[in-house]
Amino acid sequence: MQPTGPEAGEAPSQPPPLEIRDPNRLSSPERWGVAAAAAALGLVFVVAWWVNPNPSGLGSHMQLGLPPCNLERFVGIPCPFCGMTTAFSLMMRGDFGLAFWVQPAGAGLFVVALTGFILSMGIAISGRIPRAIVNHPSVIRWTWILAVVMISGSWLYKIAVTQLN
């Protein structure tokens, strides 16, 4: 048997070079996940287009087979999400002012969802995450804070509007 390796006079073998992955580049499964998120948001927009907005600003969700708002039924005040479906449906039809009047957080959430849809499609197609998202980890924290403030403020607004009518 002949010796192999360094004792045979051969140069020691080098370990294979480590692959350095670009942190902004997504793997194939990650891209499919982002594409699925974009498809889900697209489905929300299709449903919002299909639903006829209730002129009262409440109850459009019942066209989807959902029950009436229990908080409104039993306590007499709308829940924080009352009017969201109507606002989305109005935004899909381009009636921005009425959508904001019906549910300000719903109109804002529609803009956020549309932005998310566009970003998700771009990320799924390109396979890259924009640096502005990657380099700012506080974006998620501030998004949640803004969402809580927006929904709480809209809820108070919605209670005031329904109590005045």
Protein backbone atom coordinates (compact mmCIF):
# COMPACT_ATOMS: atom_id res chain seq x y z
CA MET A 1 0.00 0.00 0.00
CA GLN A 2 1.37 3.39 -0.97
CA PRO A 3 1.11 6.25 1.50
CA THR A 4 -1.05 9.19 0.54
CA GLY A 5 -1.24 12.74 1.81
CA PRO A 6 1.62 14.72 3.37
CA GLU A 7 3.69 11.63 4.21
CA ALA A 8 3.78 10.75 0.49
CA GLY A 9 5.21 14.15 -0.37
CA GLU A 10 1.92 15.58 -1.58
CA ALA A 11 0.78 19.04 -0.56
CA PRO A 12 -1.87 18.98 2.19
CA SER A 13 -5.36 19.33 0.76
CA GLN A 14 -7.16 22.59 1.39
CA PRO A 15 -10.67 22.57 2.87
CA PRO A 16 -13.30 23.70 0.40
CA PRO A 17 -13.85 27.45 0.49
CA LEU A 18 -16.80 28.58 2.56
CA GLU A 19 -19.67 29.95 0.58
CA ILE A 20 -20.46 33.44 1.78
CA ARG A 21 -24.14 34.10 1.26
CA ASP A 22 -25.30 37.60 0.43
CA PRO A 23 -27.62 38.47 3.35
CA ASN A 24 -29.88 40.44 1.01
CA ARG A 25 -30.31 37.47 -1.36
CA LEU A 26 -33.12 35.00 -0.69
CA SER A 27 -32.98 31.25 -1.17
CA SER A 28 -35.52 29.59 -3.45
CA PRO A 29 -37.83 28.49 -0.57
CA GLU A 30 -37.69 32.01 0.89
CA ARG A 31 -38.64 33.47 -2.48
CA TRP A 32 -41.58 31.10 -2.72
CA GLY A 33 -42.65 32.15 0.78
CA VAL A 34 -42.58 35.82 -0.21
CA ALA A 35 -44.47 34.98 -3.41
CA ALA A 36 -47.12 33.20 -1.28
CA ALA A 37 -47.44 36.31 0.91
CA ALA A 38 -47.91 38.44 -2.22
CA ALA A 39 -50.55 36.01 -3.50
CA ALA A 40 -52.39 36.16 -0.15
CA LEU A 41 -52.42 39.96 -0.27
CA GLY A 42 -53.60 39.80 -3.88
CA LEU A 43 -56.47 37.56 -2.77
CA VAL A 44 -57.43 40.13 -0.12
CA PHE A 45 -57.66 42.77 -2.86
CA VAL A 46 -59.78 40.49 -5.06
CA VAL A 47 -62.18 39.86 -2.17
CA ALA A 48 -62.29 43.59 -1.38
CA TRP A 49 -63.24 44.26 -5.00
CA TRP A 50 -65.92 41.55 -4.92
CA VAL A 51 -67.58 42.82 -1.70
CA ASN A 52 -70.12 45.60 -2.13
CA PRO A 53 -69.40 48.27 0.49
CA ASN A 54 -72.30 48.80 2.88
CA PRO A 55 -73.37 52.48 2.72
CA SER A 56 -73.67 52.57 6.53
CA GLY A 57 -69.97 51.76 6.86
CA LEU A 58 -70.62 48.58 8.83
CA GLY A 59 -71.61 45.03 7.97
CA SER A 60 -69.90 44.54 4.59
CA HIS A 61 -68.04 41.54 6.05
CA MET A 62 -71.35 39.65 6.41
CA GLN A 63 -71.33 39.15 2.61
CA LEU A 64 -68.42 36.78 3.28
CA GLY A 65 -70.53 34.67 5.65
CA LEU A 66 -69.09 36.21 8.80
CA PRO A 67 -71.37 37.03 11.75
CA PRO A 68 -72.26 40.57 12.82
CA CYS A 69 -69.93 42.31 15.27
CA ASN A 70 -70.70 40.96 18.76
CA LEU A 71 -69.36 44.03 20.54
CA GLU A 72 -71.74 46.22 18.55
CA ARG A 73 -74.63 43.79 19.14
CA PHE A 74 -74.18 43.38 22.88
CA VAL A 75 -72.48 46.59 24.05
CA GLY A 76 -73.62 49.03 21.39
CA ILE A 77 -70.19 50.23 20.31
CA PRO A 78 -68.20 49.08 17.27
CA CYS A 79 -65.10 46.95 17.73
CA PRO A 80 -61.69 48.33 16.67
CA PHE A 81 -62.02 46.55 13.32
CA CYS A 82 -65.60 47.50 12.43
CA GLY A 83 -65.58 49.05 8.98
CA MET A 84 -62.29 47.50 7.82
CA THR A 85 -63.91 45.40 5.09
CA THR A 86 -65.97 48.38 3.95
CA ALA A 87 -62.88 50.63 3.93
CA PHE A 88 -60.90 48.08 1.87
CA SER A 89 -63.78 47.72 -0.58
CA LEU A 90 -64.08 51.49 -0.93
CA MET A 91 -60.33 51.87 -1.41
CA MET A 92 -60.42 49.25 -4.18
CA ARG A 93 -63.07 51.37 -5.90
CA GLY A 94 -61.02 54.56 -5.55
CA ASP A 95 -63.35 56.20 -3.00
CA PHE A 96 -60.52 57.24 -0.67
CA GLY A 97 -62.36 59.95 1.24
CA LEU A 98 -65.32 57.77 2.14
CA ALA A 99 -63.02 54.88 3.02
CA PHE A 100 -61.14 57.14 5.44
CA TRP A 101 -64.40 58.43 6.92
CA VAL A 102 -65.73 54.87 7.40
CA GLN A 103 -62.56 53.51 9.04
CA PRO A 104 -59.32 55.55 9.02
CA ALA A 105 -57.22 52.56 10.11
CA GLY A 106 -58.77 50.46 7.33
CA ALA A 107 -57.79 53.03 4.71
CA GLY A 108 -54.28 53.19 6.19
CA LEU A 109 -54.02 49.41 6.38
CA PHE A 110 -55.04 49.19 2.73
CA VAL A 111 -52.11 51.46 1.80
CA VAL A 112 -49.77 49.33 3.93
CA ALA A 113 -51.12 46.12 2.35
CA LEU A 114 -50.73 47.54 -1.15
CA THR A 115 -47.16 48.58 -0.36
CA GLY A 116 -46.52 45.09 1.05
CA PHE A 117 -47.96 43.49 -2.07
CA ILE A 118 -45.76 45.58 -4.38
CA LEU A 119 -42.64 44.97 -2.24
CA SER A 120 -43.38 41.24 -1.96
CA MET A 121 -43.79 40.89 -5.71
CA GLY A 122 -40.53 42.75 -6.31
CA ILE A 123 -38.67 40.69 -3.71
CA ALA A 124 -40.09 37.39 -5.03
CA ILE A 125 -39.13 38.25 -8.60
CA SER A 126 -35.68 39.73 -7.89
CA GLY A 127 -34.78 37.49 -4.94
CA ARG A 128 -33.32 40.47 -3.11
CA ILE A 129 -34.51 42.35 -0.03
CA PRO A 130 -34.15 46.14 -0.25
CA ARG A 131 -31.32 47.39 1.96
CA ALA A 132 -33.62 49.91 3.64
CA ILE A 133 -35.54 47.01 5.17
CA VAL A 134 -32.50 44.90 6.07
CA ASN A 135 -30.44 47.70 7.58
CA HIS A 136 -33.16 49.08 9.85
CA PRO A 137 -34.31 46.45 12.37
CA SER A 138 -36.36 49.07 14.20
CA VAL A 139 -38.74 49.22 11.20
CA ILE A 140 -40.79 46.30 12.54
CA ARG A 141 -40.97 47.75 16.06
CA TRP A 142 -42.10 51.16 14.82
CA THR A 143 -44.58 49.55 12.43
CA TRP A 144 -46.24 47.76 15.36
CA ILE A 145 -46.28 50.93 17.47
CA LEU A 146 -47.81 52.90 14.60
CA ALA A 147 -50.40 50.15 13.99
CA VAL A 148 -51.50 50.11 17.65
CA VAL A 149 -51.76 53.90 17.78
CA MET A 150 -53.60 54.03 14.44
CA ILE A 151 -56.10 51.31 15.34
CA SER A 152 -56.71 52.75 18.82
CA GLY A 153 -57.26 56.25 17.44
CA SER A 154 -59.53 54.93 14.71
CA TRP A 155 -61.51 52.96 17.28
CA LEU A 156 -62.14 56.08 19.36
CA TYR A 157 -63.09 57.93 16.18
CA LYS A 158 -65.44 55.10 15.12
CA ILE A 159 -67.12 55.07 18.55
CA ALA A 160 -67.61 58.84 18.42
CA VAL A 161 -69.03 58.76 14.87
CA THR A 162 -71.46 55.93 15.60
CA GLN A 163 -72.61 57.51 18.88
CA LEU A 164 -73.27 60.85 17.15
CA ASN A 165 -75.34 59.24 14.41
